[in-house]
Amino acid sequence: KRVGFQFKVRKDRIAEYEEHHKHVWPEMLDA
């Protein structure tokens, strides 16, 4: 099954959001 979804990141927090997603917690990736 293919699933798509959308949401919006706060404009003033985009850079931080991107940075955290460069380093997703290994336990989260495992989950």
All heavy atoms as atom14 arrays in JSON, in Angstrom:
{
  "sequence": "KRVGFQFKVRKDRIAEYEEHHKHVWPEMLDA",
  "atom14_mask": [
    [1, 1, 1, 1, 1, 1, 1, 1, 1, 0, 0, 0, 0, 0],
    [1, 1, 1, 1, 1, 1, 1, 1, 1, 1, 1, 0, 0, 0],
    [1, 1, 1, 1, 1, 1, 1, 0, 0, 0, 0, 0, 0, 0],
    [1, 1, 1, 1, 0, 0, 0, 0, 0, 0, 0, 0, 0, 0],
    [1, 1, 1, 1, 1, 1, 1, 1, 1, 1, 1, 0, 0, 0],
    [1, 1, 1, 1, 1, 1, 1, 1, 1, 0, 0, 0, 0, 0],
    [1, 1, 1, 1, 1, 1, 1, 1, 1, 1, 1, 0, 0, 0],
    [1, 1, 1, 1, 1, 1, 1, 1, 1, 0, 0, 0, 0, 0],
    [1, 1, 1, 1, 1, 1, 1, 0, 0, 0, 0, 0, 0, 0],
    [1, 1, 1, 1, 1, 1, 1, 1, 1, 1, 1, 0, 0, 0],
    [1, 1, 1, 1, 1, 1, 1, 1, 1, 0, 0, 0, 0, 0],
    [1, 1, 1, 1, 1, 1, 1, 1, 0, 0, 0, 0, 0, 0],
    [1, 1, 1, 1, 1, 1, 1, 1, 1, 1, 1, 0, 0, 0],
    [1, 1, 1, 1, 1, 1, 1, 1, 0, 0, 0, 0, 0, 0],
    [1, 1, 1, 1, 1, 0, 0, 0, 0, 0, 0, 0, 0, 0],
    [1, 1, 1, 1, 1, 1, 1, 1, 1, 0, 0, 0, 0, 0],
    [1, 1, 1, 1, 1, 1, 1, 1, 1, 1, 1, 1, 0, 0],
    [1, 1, 1, 1, 1, 1, 1, 1, 1, 0, 0, 0, 0, 0],
    [1, 1, 1, 1, 1, 1, 1, 1, 1, 0, 0, 0, 0, 0],
    [1, 1, 1, 1, 1, 1, 1, 1, 1, 1, 0, 0, 0, 0],
    [1, 1, 1, 1, 1, 1, 1, 1, 1, 1, 0, 0, 0, 0],
    [1, 1, 1, 1, 1, 1, 1, 1, 1, 0, 0, 0, 0, 0],
    [1, 1, 1, 1, 1, 1, 1, 1, 1, 1, 0, 0, 0, 0],
    [1, 1, 1, 1, 1, 1, 1, 0, 0, 0, 0, 0, 0, 0],
    [1, 1, 1, 1, 1, 1, 1, 1, 1, 1, 1, 1, 1, 1],
    [1, 1, 1, 1, 1, 1, 1, 0, 0, 0, 0, 0, 0, 0],
    [1, 1, 1, 1, 1, 1, 1, 1, 1, 0, 0, 0, 0, 0],
    [1, 1, 1, 1, 1, 1, 1, 1, 0, 0, 0, 0, 0, 0],
    [1, 1, 1, 1, 1, 1, 1, 1, 0, 0, 0, 0, 0, 0],
    [1, 1, 1, 1, 1, 1, 1, 1, 0, 0, 0, 0, 0, 0],
    [1, 1, 1, 1, 1, 0, 0, 0, 0, 0, 0, 0, 0, 0]
  ],
  "atom14_positions": [
    [[0.86, -1.19, 0.0], [0.0, 0.0, 0.0], [0.9, 1.24, 0.0], [1.91, 1.3, 0.7], [-0.88, 0.03, 1.25], [-1.62, -1.27, 1.5], [-3.01, -1.22, 0.99], [-3.85, -2.39, 1.42], [-3.55, -3.66, 0.92], [0.0, 0.0, 0.0], [0.0, 0.0, 0.0], [0.0, 0.0, 0.0], [0.0, 0.0, 0.0], [0.0, 0.0, 0.0]],
    [[0.52, 2.24, -0.79], [1.25, 3.5, -0.83], [0.45, 4.55, -0.08], [-0.76, 4.67, -0.28], [1.49, 3.94, -2.27], [2.39, 2.95, -3.01], [2.6, 3.33, -4.43], [1.32, 3.22, -5.14], [1.13, 3.62, -6.38], [2.1, 4.18, -7.06], [-0.04, 3.48, -6.96], [0.0, 0.0, 0.0], [0.0, 0.0, 0.0], [0.0, 0.0, 0.0]],
    [[1.12, 5.31, 0.79], [0.45, 6.27, 1.65], [1.1, 7.64, 1.46], [2.32, 7.76, 1.5], [0.55, 5.85, 3.13], [-0.1, 6.88, 4.04], [-0.04, 4.46, 3.34], [0.0, 0.0, 0.0], [0.0, 0.0, 0.0], [0.0, 0.0, 0.0], [0.0, 0.0, 0.0], [0.0, 0.0, 0.0], [0.0, 0.0, 0.0], [0.0, 0.0, 0.0]],
    [[0.27, 8.66, 1.28], [0.76, 10.03, 1.21], [0.06, 10.88, 2.25], [-1.09, 10.62, 2.62], [0.0, 0.0, 0.0], [0.0, 0.0, 0.0], [0.0, 0.0, 0.0], [0.0, 0.0, 0.0], [0.0, 0.0, 0.0], [0.0, 0.0, 0.0], [0.0, 0.0, 0.0], [0.0, 0.0, 0.0], [0.0, 0.0, 0.0], [0.0, 0.0, 0.0]],
    [[0.76, 11.87, 2.75], [0.18, 12.78, 3.74], [0.9, 14.12, 3.63], [1.96, 14.22, 3.01], [0.29, 12.22, 5.17], [1.71, 11.92, 5.59], [2.47, 12.88, 6.25], [2.28, 10.69, 5.33], [3.78, 12.61, 6.63], [3.58, 10.4, 5.71], [4.33, 11.36, 6.36], [0.0, 0.0, 0.0], [0.0, 0.0, 0.0], [0.0, 0.0, 0.0]],
    [[0.32, 15.15, 4.2], [0.98, 16.45, 4.18], [0.76, 17.18, 5.5], [-0.19, 16.92, 6.23], [0.51, 17.29, 3.0], [-0.92, 17.72, 3.04], [-1.28, 18.55, 1.82], [-0.65, 18.44, 0.77], [-2.29, 19.36, 1.94], [0.0, 0.0, 0.0], [0.0, 0.0, 0.0], [0.0, 0.0, 0.0], [0.0, 0.0, 0.0], [0.0, 0.0, 0.0]],
    [[1.67, 18.08, 5.78], [1.6, 18.96, 6.93], [2.52, 20.13, 6.67], [3.24, 20.15, 5.66], [1.94, 18.24, 8.24], [3.33, 17.68, 8.3], [4.36, 18.37, 8.93], [3.62, 16.44, 7.75], [5.64, 17.85, 8.98], [4.9, 15.91, 7.81], [5.91, 16.61, 8.42], [0.0, 0.0, 0.0], [0.0, 0.0, 0.0], [0.0, 0.0, 0.0]],
    [[2.51, 21.1, 7.54], [3.32, 22.29, 7.3], [4.2, 22.59, 8.51], [3.74, 22.6, 9.64], [2.44, 23.5, 6.99], [3.22, 24.65, 6.43], [2.31, 25.67, 5.78], [3.16, 26.72, 5.11], [2.32, 27.76, 4.52], [0.0, 0.0, 0.0], [0.0, 0.0, 0.0], [0.0, 0.0, 0.0], [0.0, 0.0, 0.0], [0.0, 0.0, 0.0]],
    [[5.46, 22.85, 8.22], [6.42, 23.24, 9.23], [6.33, 24.75, 9.39], [6.17, 25.48, 8.4], [7.86, 22.83, 8.81], [8.9, 23.37, 9.77], [7.95, 21.32, 8.71], [0.0, 0.0, 0.0], [0.0, 0.0, 0.0], [0.0, 0.0, 0.0], [0.0, 0.0, 0.0], [0.0, 0.0, 0.0], [0.0, 0.0, 0.0], [0.0, 0.0, 0.0]],
    [[6.42, 25.22, 10.63], [6.41, 26.66, 10.87], [7.55, 27.31, 10.1], [8.69, 26.84, 10.14], [6.57, 26.96, 12.36], [5.37, 26.53, 13.17], [5.57, 26.76, 14.64], [6.3, 27.99, 14.92], [6.78, 28.31, 16.1], [6.64, 27.49, 17.12], [7.43, 29.44, 16.28], [0.0, 0.0, 0.0], [0.0, 0.0, 0.0], [0.0, 0.0, 0.0]],
    [[7.26, 28.37, 9.41], [8.24, 29.02, 8.53], [9.49, 29.44, 9.29], [10.61, 29.34, 8.78], [7.61, 30.22, 7.82], [8.33, 30.62, 6.58], [7.5, 31.53, 5.73], [8.16, 31.6, 4.37], [7.31, 32.18, 3.36], [0.0, 0.0, 0.0], [0.0, 0.0, 0.0], [0.0, 0.0, 0.0], [0.0, 0.0, 0.0], [0.0, 0.0, 0.0]],
    [[9.32, 29.9, 10.53], [10.47, 30.35, 11.32], [11.29, 29.2, 11.91], [12.32, 29.43, 12.53], [10.01, 31.29, 12.45], [9.08, 30.62, 13.45], [8.29, 29.73, 13.05], [9.12, 30.99, 14.64], [0.0, 0.0, 0.0], [0.0, 0.0, 0.0], [0.0, 0.0, 0.0], [0.0, 0.0, 0.0], [0.0, 0.0, 0.0], [0.0, 0.0, 0.0]],
    [[10.84, 27.94, 11.69], [11.53, 26.78, 12.26], [12.02, 25.8, 11.19], [12.47, 24.7, 11.52], [10.61, 26.04, 13.23], [10.0, 26.86, 14.36], [11.01, 27.42, 15.35], [11.76, 26.47, 16.09], [11.42, 25.93, 17.26], [10.28, 26.23, 17.82], [12.23, 25.09, 17.87], [0.0, 0.0, 0.0], [0.0, 0.0, 0.0], [0.0, 0.0, 0.0]],
    [[11.92, 26.17, 9.91], [12.27, 25.26, 8.82], [13.72, 24.78, 8.92], [13.99, 23.58, 8.81], [11.99, 25.9, 7.44], [10.48, 26.01, 7.23], [12.65, 25.1, 6.33], [10.08, 26.78, 5.97], [0.0, 0.0, 0.0], [0.0, 0.0, 0.0], [0.0, 0.0, 0.0], [0.0, 0.0, 0.0], [0.0, 0.0, 0.0], [0.0, 0.0, 0.0]],
    [[14.65, 25.69, 9.14], [16.07, 25.29, 9.18], [16.33, 24.3, 10.31], [17.05, 23.31, 10.11], [16.95, 26.53, 9.35], [0.0, 0.0, 0.0], [0.0, 0.0, 0.0], [0.0, 0.0, 0.0], [0.0, 0.0, 0.0], [0.0, 0.0, 0.0], [0.0, 0.0, 0.0], [0.0, 0.0, 0.0], [0.0, 0.0, 0.0], [0.0, 0.0, 0.0]],
    [[15.74, 24.53, 11.47], [15.92, 23.6, 12.59], [15.29, 22.24, 12.29], [15.87, 21.2, 12.61], [15.27, 24.16, 13.86], [15.96, 25.37, 14.44], [15.13, 25.94, 15.56], [14.24, 26.77, 15.29], [15.36, 25.53, 16.72], [0.0, 0.0, 0.0], [0.0, 0.0, 0.0], [0.0, 0.0, 0.0], [0.0, 0.0, 0.0], [0.0, 0.0, 0.0]],
    [[14.1, 22.27, 11.7], [13.43, 21.03, 11.34], [14.3, 20.21, 10.4], [14.49, 19.01, 10.6], [12.08, 21.36, 10.68], [11.3, 20.15, 10.26], [10.41, 19.54, 11.13], [11.45, 19.6, 8.99], [9.69, 18.41, 10.76], [10.73, 18.48, 8.6], [9.87, 17.89, 9.48], [9.17, 16.78, 9.11], [0.0, 0.0, 0.0], [0.0, 0.0, 0.0]],
    [[14.83, 20.85, 9.38], [15.7, 20.15, 8.43], [16.93, 19.58, 9.12], [17.34, 18.44, 8.83], [16.12, 21.1, 7.3], [15.0, 21.46, 6.37], [15.41, 22.45, 5.3], [16.21, 23.37, 5.59], [14.94, 22.31, 4.18], [0.0, 0.0, 0.0], [0.0, 0.0, 0.0], [0.0, 0.0, 0.0], [0.0, 0.0, 0.0], [0.0, 0.0, 0.0]],
    [[17.51, 20.34, 10.02], [18.71, 19.88, 10.72], [18.42, 18.62, 11.56], [19.2, 17.67, 11.55], [19.27, 20.99, 11.61], [20.64, 20.7, 12.16], [21.72, 20.48, 11.09], [21.64, 21.07, 10.0], [22.64, 19.69, 11.37], [0.0, 0.0, 0.0], [0.0, 0.0, 0.0], [0.0, 0.0, 0.0], [0.0, 0.0, 0.0], [0.0, 0.0, 0.0]],
    [[17.3, 18.62, 12.25], [16.95, 17.45, 13.06], [16.7, 16.22, 12.18], [16.99, 15.1, 12.6], [15.73, 17.73, 13.93], [16.05, 18.61, 15.09], [16.9, 18.25, 16.11], [15.64, 19.88, 15.39], [17.0, 19.24, 16.98], [16.24, 20.24, 16.56], [0.0, 0.0, 0.0], [0.0, 0.0, 0.0], [0.0, 0.0, 0.0], [0.0, 0.0, 0.0]],
    [[16.19, 16.43, 10.98], [15.94, 15.3, 10.09], [17.2, 14.79, 9.4], [17.19, 13.71, 8.82], [14.83, 15.63, 9.09], [13.48, 15.37, 9.66], [12.87, 16.25, 10.5], [12.66, 14.31, 9.54], [11.71, 15.74, 10.87], [11.56, 14.55, 10.31], [0.0, 0.0, 0.0], [0.0, 0.0, 0.0], [0.0, 0.0, 0.0], [0.0, 0.0, 0.0]],
    [[18.28, 15.52, 9.51], [19.57, 15.0, 9.05], [20.12, 13.99, 10.05], [21.02, 13.22, 9.72], [20.58, 16.14, 8.87], [20.28, 17.05, 7.71], [21.3, 18.17, 7.64], [20.95, 19.17, 6.56], [21.87, 20.33, 6.58], [0.0, 0.0, 0.0], [0.0, 0.0, 0.0], [0.0, 0.0, 0.0], [0.0, 0.0, 0.0], [0.0, 0.0, 0.0]],
    [[19.6, 14.04, 11.28], [20.11, 13.21, 12.38], [18.95, 12.54, 13.13], [18.86, 12.66, 14.35], [20.94, 14.06, 13.33], [21.99, 14.88, 12.67], [23.14, 14.35, 12.16], [22.02, 16.19, 12.38], [23.86, 15.3, 11.6], [23.21, 16.43, 11.71], [0.0, 0.0, 0.0], [0.0, 0.0, 0.0], [0.0, 0.0, 0.0], [0.0, 0.0, 0.0]],
    [[18.09, 11.86, 12.38], [16.97, 11.17, 13.03], [17.53, 10.14, 13.99], [18.5, 9.44, 13.68], [16.06, 10.49, 11.98], [14.96, 9.68, 12.65], [15.46, 11.55, 11.05], [0.0, 0.0, 0.0], [0.0, 0.0, 0.0], [0.0, 0.0, 0.0], [0.0, 0.0, 0.0], [0.0, 0.0, 0.0], [0.0, 0.0, 0.0], [0.0, 0.0, 0.0]],
    [[16.93, 10.07, 15.16], [17.4, 9.14, 16.19], [17.4, 7.72, 15.63], [16.42, 7.27, 15.04], [16.5, 9.2, 17.41], [16.33, 10.57, 18.01], [17.17, 11.65, 17.88], [15.24, 10.99, 18.82], [16.66, 12.71, 18.57], [15.48, 12.35, 19.16], [14.09, 10.38, 19.29], [14.6, 13.08, 19.96], [13.22, 11.1, 20.08], [13.49, 12.43, 20.42]],
    [[18.49, 6.99, 15.83], [18.56, 5.61, 15.33], [17.41, 4.73, 15.81], [16.9, 3.9, 15.07], [19.9, 5.1, 15.85], [20.72, 6.33, 16.05], [19.74, 7.41, 16.46], [0.0, 0.0, 0.0], [0.0, 0.0, 0.0], [0.0, 0.0, 0.0], [0.0, 0.0, 0.0], [0.0, 0.0, 0.0], [0.0, 0.0, 0.0], [0.0, 0.0, 0.0]],
    [[16.97, 4.94, 17.05], [15.86, 4.15, 17.6], [14.56, 4.44, 16.84], [13.7, 3.56, 16.71], [15.65, 4.45, 19.09], [16.86, 4.18, 19.95], [17.78, 5.41, 20.12], [17.68, 6.36, 19.33], [18.59, 5.39, 21.05], [0.0, 0.0, 0.0], [0.0, 0.0, 0.0], [0.0, 0.0, 0.0], [0.0, 0.0, 0.0], [0.0, 0.0, 0.0]],
    [[14.4, 5.68, 16.37], [13.21, 6.04, 15.6], [13.26, 5.36, 14.24], [12.25, 4.84, 13.77], [13.12, 7.56, 15.46], [11.88, 8.03, 14.74], [10.38, 7.54, 15.62], [9.16, 8.31, 14.57], [0.0, 0.0, 0.0], [0.0, 0.0, 0.0], [0.0, 0.0, 0.0], [0.0, 0.0, 0.0], [0.0, 0.0, 0.0], [0.0, 0.0, 0.0]],
    [[14.41, 5.34, 13.62], [14.56, 4.66, 12.33], [14.28, 3.16, 12.48], [13.6, 2.56, 11.63], [15.95, 4.9, 11.76], [16.29, 6.35, 11.41], [17.75, 6.48, 10.99], [15.36, 6.88, 10.33], [0.0, 0.0, 0.0], [0.0, 0.0, 0.0], [0.0, 0.0, 0.0], [0.0, 0.0, 0.0], [0.0, 0.0, 0.0], [0.0, 0.0, 0.0]],
    [[14.75, 2.57, 13.58], [14.47, 1.16, 13.85], [12.97, 0.93, 14.01], [12.42, -0.04, 13.48], [15.19, 0.69, 15.11], [16.69, 0.6, 14.96], [17.19, 0.57, 13.82], [17.38, 0.56, 16.01], [0.0, 0.0, 0.0], [0.0, 0.0, 0.0], [0.0, 0.0, 0.0], [0.0, 0.0, 0.0], [0.0, 0.0, 0.0], [0.0, 0.0, 0.0]],
    [[12.3, 1.81, 14.75], [10.86, 1.67, 14.97], [10.08, 1.75, 13.66], [9.13, 0.98, 13.45], [10.37, 2.75, 15.94], [0.0, 0.0, 0.0], [0.0, 0.0, 0.0], [0.0, 0.0, 0.0], [0.0, 0.0, 0.0], [0.0, 0.0, 0.0], [0.0, 0.0, 0.0], [0.0, 0.0, 0.0], [0.0, 0.0, 0.0], [0.0, 0.0, 0.0]]
  ]
}
